[in-house]
N, C-alpha and C. Protein backbone atom coordinates (compact mmCIF):
# COMPACT_ATOMS: atom_id res chain seq x y z
N MET A 1 26.93 -12.31 -7.90
CA MET A 1 26.22 -12.09 -8.65
C MET A 1 24.60 -11.54 -8.21
N SER A 2 24.21 -10.31 -9.25
CA SER A 2 23.57 -9.79 -8.85
C SER A 2 22.02 -10.47 -9.00
N MET A 3 20.78 -10.09 -8.33
CA MET A 3 19.72 -10.70 -8.79
C MET A 3 18.91 -9.74 -9.04
N HIS A 4 18.32 -9.86 -10.24
CA HIS A 4 17.52 -9.22 -10.88
C HIS A 4 15.73 -9.25 -10.71
N TYR A 5 15.08 -8.66 -10.32
CA TYR A 5 13.90 -8.72 -9.83
C TYR A 5 12.59 -8.37 -11.05
N SER A 6 11.72 -8.67 -10.87
CA SER A 6 10.66 -8.06 -11.89
C SER A 6 9.85 -6.95 -11.56
N ASP A 7 9.49 -6.35 -12.61
CA ASP A 7 8.83 -5.59 -11.69
C ASP A 7 7.32 -6.12 -11.26
N GLU A 8 6.72 -6.75 -11.36
CA GLU A 8 5.80 -7.31 -11.13
C GLU A 8 6.24 -8.04 -9.86
N TYR A 9 6.96 -9.04 -9.50
CA TYR A 9 7.36 -9.15 -8.49
C TYR A 9 7.59 -7.84 -7.14
N ILE A 10 8.51 -7.16 -7.76
CA ILE A 10 9.13 -5.96 -6.96
C ILE A 10 7.15 -4.67 -6.23
N GLU A 11 6.29 -4.92 -7.12
CA GLU A 11 5.24 -4.66 -7.02
C GLU A 11 4.29 -5.24 -6.40
N LEU A 12 4.33 -6.89 -6.22
CA LEU A 12 4.21 -7.89 -5.37
C LEU A 12 4.23 -7.42 -3.85
N ARG A 13 5.51 -7.34 -3.57
CA ARG A 13 6.32 -7.62 -2.89
C ARG A 13 5.63 -6.47 -1.91
N LEU A 14 6.01 -5.07 -2.80
CA LEU A 14 5.63 -3.86 -2.09
C LEU A 14 4.01 -3.96 -1.62
N LYS A 15 3.32 -4.35 -2.23
CA LYS A 15 2.09 -4.58 -1.99
C LYS A 15 1.63 -5.23 -1.09
N GLN A 16 2.43 -6.14 -0.72
CA GLN A 16 2.45 -7.01 0.69
C GLN A 16 2.60 -6.53 2.12
N MET A 17 4.02 -6.15 1.56
CA MET A 17 4.78 -5.36 2.86
C MET A 17 3.61 -4.22 3.14
N VAL A 18 3.34 -3.11 2.74
CA VAL A 18 2.20 -2.53 2.97
C VAL A 18 0.83 -3.29 3.58
N LEU A 19 -0.05 -4.16 2.89
CA LEU A 19 -0.92 -4.93 3.48
C LEU A 19 -0.53 -5.36 5.28
N GLU A 20 0.81 -6.02 5.00
CA GLU A 20 0.99 -6.21 6.85
C GLU A 20 1.40 -5.51 7.30
N SER A 21 1.62 -3.71 7.15
CA SER A 21 1.41 -3.26 8.23
C SER A 21 0.48 -2.27 8.21
N ILE A 22 -0.42 -2.49 7.43
CA ILE A 22 -2.02 -1.73 7.16
C ILE A 22 -2.62 -3.11 8.59
N SER A 23 -2.50 -4.12 8.44
CA SER A 23 -3.13 -5.30 9.93
C SER A 23 -2.47 -5.20 10.83
N LEU A 24 -1.24 -4.92 10.82
CA LEU A 24 -0.56 -4.98 12.00
C LEU A 24 -0.75 -3.75 12.99
N SER A 25 -0.43 -2.23 12.12
CA SER A 25 -0.77 -1.30 12.55
C SER A 25 -1.82 -0.72 13.22
N TYR A 26 -2.77 -1.15 12.38
CA TYR A 26 -4.10 -1.04 12.79
C TYR A 26 -5.20 -2.01 13.06
N ASP A 27 -4.59 -2.94 13.12
CA ASP A 27 -5.29 -4.32 13.55
C ASP A 27 -6.49 -4.19 12.27
N ILE A 28 -6.21 -4.64 11.56
CA ILE A 28 -7.45 -4.86 10.24
C ILE A 28 -6.85 -5.95 9.85
N GLU A 29 -7.72 -6.98 9.85
CA GLU A 29 -7.75 -8.08 9.29
C GLU A 29 -7.53 -7.79 8.00
N SER A 30 -6.71 -9.30 6.71
CA SER A 30 -5.70 -8.60 5.86
C SER A 30 -6.65 -8.62 4.96
N LYS A 31 -7.97 -9.31 4.71
CA LYS A 31 -9.00 -9.23 3.77
C LYS A 31 -9.45 -7.52 3.45
N ASP A 32 -9.34 -7.25 5.23
CA ASP A 32 -9.88 -5.57 4.58
C ASP A 32 -8.94 -4.64 4.60
N ALA A 33 -7.36 -5.06 4.83
CA ALA A 33 -6.30 -4.40 4.47
C ALA A 33 -6.36 -4.13 3.00
N LEU A 34 -6.58 -5.69 2.36
CA LEU A 34 -6.88 -5.51 0.80
C LEU A 34 -7.53 -4.52 0.12
N THR A 35 -8.73 -4.62 0.68
CA THR A 35 -9.73 -3.63 0.28
C THR A 35 -9.47 -2.44 0.26
N LEU A 36 -8.47 -2.04 1.56
CA LEU A 36 -8.37 -0.65 1.50
C LEU A 36 -7.30 -0.14 1.06
N ILE A 37 -6.36 -1.33 0.34
CA ILE A 37 -5.03 -0.79 -0.85
C ILE A 37 -5.94 -0.83 -2.06
N GLU A 38 -7.02 -1.51 -1.98
CA GLU A 38 -7.35 -2.06 -4.15
C GLU A 38 -8.37 -0.28 -3.99
N GLU A 39 -9.12 -0.09 -2.68
CA GLU A 39 -9.70 1.41 -2.72
C GLU A 39 -9.44 2.71 -2.72
N SER A 40 -7.89 2.30 -2.82
CA SER A 40 -6.80 4.00 -2.84
C SER A 40 -6.19 3.94 -3.65
N THR A 41 -5.37 5.44 -4.01
CA THR A 41 -4.49 5.67 -4.90
C THR A 41 -3.16 4.83 -5.11
N PHE A 42 -2.96 4.10 -3.90
CA PHE A 42 -1.74 3.63 -3.48
C PHE A 42 -1.26 2.56 -4.90
N LEU A 43 -2.08 1.98 -5.59
CA LEU A 43 -1.80 0.83 -6.49
C LEU A 43 -1.63 2.05 -7.48
N GLU A 44 -2.30 2.95 -8.01
CA GLU A 44 -1.96 3.48 -9.13
C GLU A 44 -0.56 4.37 -9.25
N ILE A 45 -0.40 4.75 -8.01
CA ILE A 45 1.02 5.07 -7.80
C ILE A 45 2.14 4.30 -7.96
N LEU A 46 2.15 3.21 -7.45
CA LEU A 46 2.65 1.74 -7.93
C LEU A 46 2.95 1.69 -9.25
N LYS A 47 1.88 1.44 -9.80
CA LYS A 47 2.18 1.26 -11.88
C LYS A 47 3.12 2.47 -12.30
N GLU A 48 2.67 3.39 -12.03
CA GLU A 48 3.24 4.83 -12.32
C GLU A 48 4.85 4.79 -12.27
N ASP A 49 4.77 4.83 -11.10
CA ASP A 49 6.15 5.09 -10.08
C ASP A 49 6.50 4.16 -9.21
N PRO A 50 6.73 3.17 -9.70
CA PRO A 50 7.34 2.10 -8.08
C PRO A 50 8.73 2.74 -7.56
N GLU A 51 9.30 3.30 -8.01
CA GLU A 51 10.39 3.50 -7.24
C GLU A 51 10.02 4.82 -6.70
N PHE A 52 9.48 5.79 -6.88
CA PHE A 52 9.34 6.65 -5.87
C PHE A 52 8.14 6.16 -4.83
N ILE A 53 7.36 4.87 -4.74
CA ILE A 53 6.68 4.10 -3.54
C ILE A 53 8.44 3.78 -3.10
N GLY A 54 9.29 2.90 -3.46
CA GLY A 54 10.04 2.36 -2.64
C GLY A 54 10.82 3.11 -2.02
N HIS A 55 10.91 4.27 -2.03
CA HIS A 55 11.66 5.68 -1.29
C HIS A 55 10.77 5.98 -0.14
N TYR A 56 10.09 5.12 0.41
CA TYR A 56 9.22 5.59 1.81
C TYR A 56 8.75 3.95 2.28
N PRO A 57 8.83 4.26 3.65
CA PRO A 57 8.86 2.57 4.32
C PRO A 57 7.25 2.20 4.33
N PRO A 58 6.55 1.00 4.14
CA PRO A 58 5.78 0.25 3.89
C PRO A 58 4.55 1.16 4.75
N GLU A 59 5.03 1.54 5.99
CA GLU A 59 4.70 2.13 7.27
C GLU A 59 4.14 3.52 6.54
N TYR A 60 4.50 4.29 5.99
CA TYR A 60 4.17 5.18 5.45
C TYR A 60 2.72 4.88 4.63
N TRP A 61 2.89 4.10 3.76
CA TRP A 61 2.16 3.57 2.94
C TRP A 61 0.94 3.28 3.46
N ALA A 62 0.69 2.40 4.57
CA ALA A 62 -0.29 2.17 5.42
C ALA A 62 -1.15 3.58 6.10
N GLU A 63 -0.28 4.45 6.26
CA GLU A 63 -0.70 5.49 6.96
C GLU A 63 -1.94 6.42 5.91
N TYR A 64 -0.60 6.55 4.78
CA TYR A 64 -1.28 6.82 3.47
C TYR A 64 -2.50 6.73 3.29
N ILE A 65 -2.70 5.14 3.04
CA ILE A 65 -3.67 4.53 2.55
C ILE A 65 -5.03 4.79 4.06
N ILE A 66 -4.92 4.73 5.34
CA ILE A 66 -5.96 4.91 6.07
C ILE A 66 -5.98 6.18 6.13
N GLU A 67 -5.23 7.07 6.02
CA GLU A 67 -6.05 8.40 6.02
C GLU A 67 -6.48 8.84 4.62
N GLU A 68 -6.22 8.36 3.47
CA GLU A 68 -6.57 8.37 2.08
C GLU A 68 -8.47 8.08 2.35
N ARG A 69 -8.76 6.95 3.04
CA ARG A 69 -9.88 6.52 3.59
C ARG A 69 -10.64 7.03 4.12
N ASN A 70 -9.52 7.85 5.48
CA ASN A 70 -10.85 8.49 6.51
C ASN A 70 -10.71 9.96 5.74
N LEU A 71 -10.39 10.30 4.59
CA LEU A 71 -11.16 11.59 4.11
C LEU A 71 -11.92 11.24 3.41
N VAL A 72 -11.63 10.49 2.58
CA VAL A 72 -13.33 9.96 1.81
C VAL A 72 -14.28 9.69 2.65
N ASN A 73 -14.19 9.41 4.05
CA ASN A 73 -15.32 9.05 4.45
C ASN A 73 -16.05 10.09 5.23
N ASN A 74 -14.94 11.13 5.42
CA ASN A 74 -15.98 12.60 6.12
C ASN A 74 -16.24 12.80 5.12
N LYS A 75 -15.44 13.05 3.75
CA LYS A 75 -16.41 13.95 2.76
C LYS A 75 -17.67 13.20 2.13
N LEU A 76 -18.25 12.00 2.86
CA LEU A 76 -18.79 11.17 2.71
C LEU A 76 -20.36 11.45 3.55
N ASN A 77 -19.71 11.57 4.79
CA ASN A 77 -20.68 11.83 5.60
C ASN A 77 -21.15 13.39 6.03
């Protein structure tokens, strides 16, 4: 018997795994990690192509989000 998960569940789970990776890898509180995710392009990519997101581990996306934030901050300074 195979299990079929809804797209919403898969997106939520991927988002949660990335949030945990940001929190653990960069010592950032969950609420702040959630803000970083929400301000990044990660969710847009996730909505457009969840399969693409799933090809890379949560640690990759955590680093992607942190680097994206650093680029934005550098452009603002």
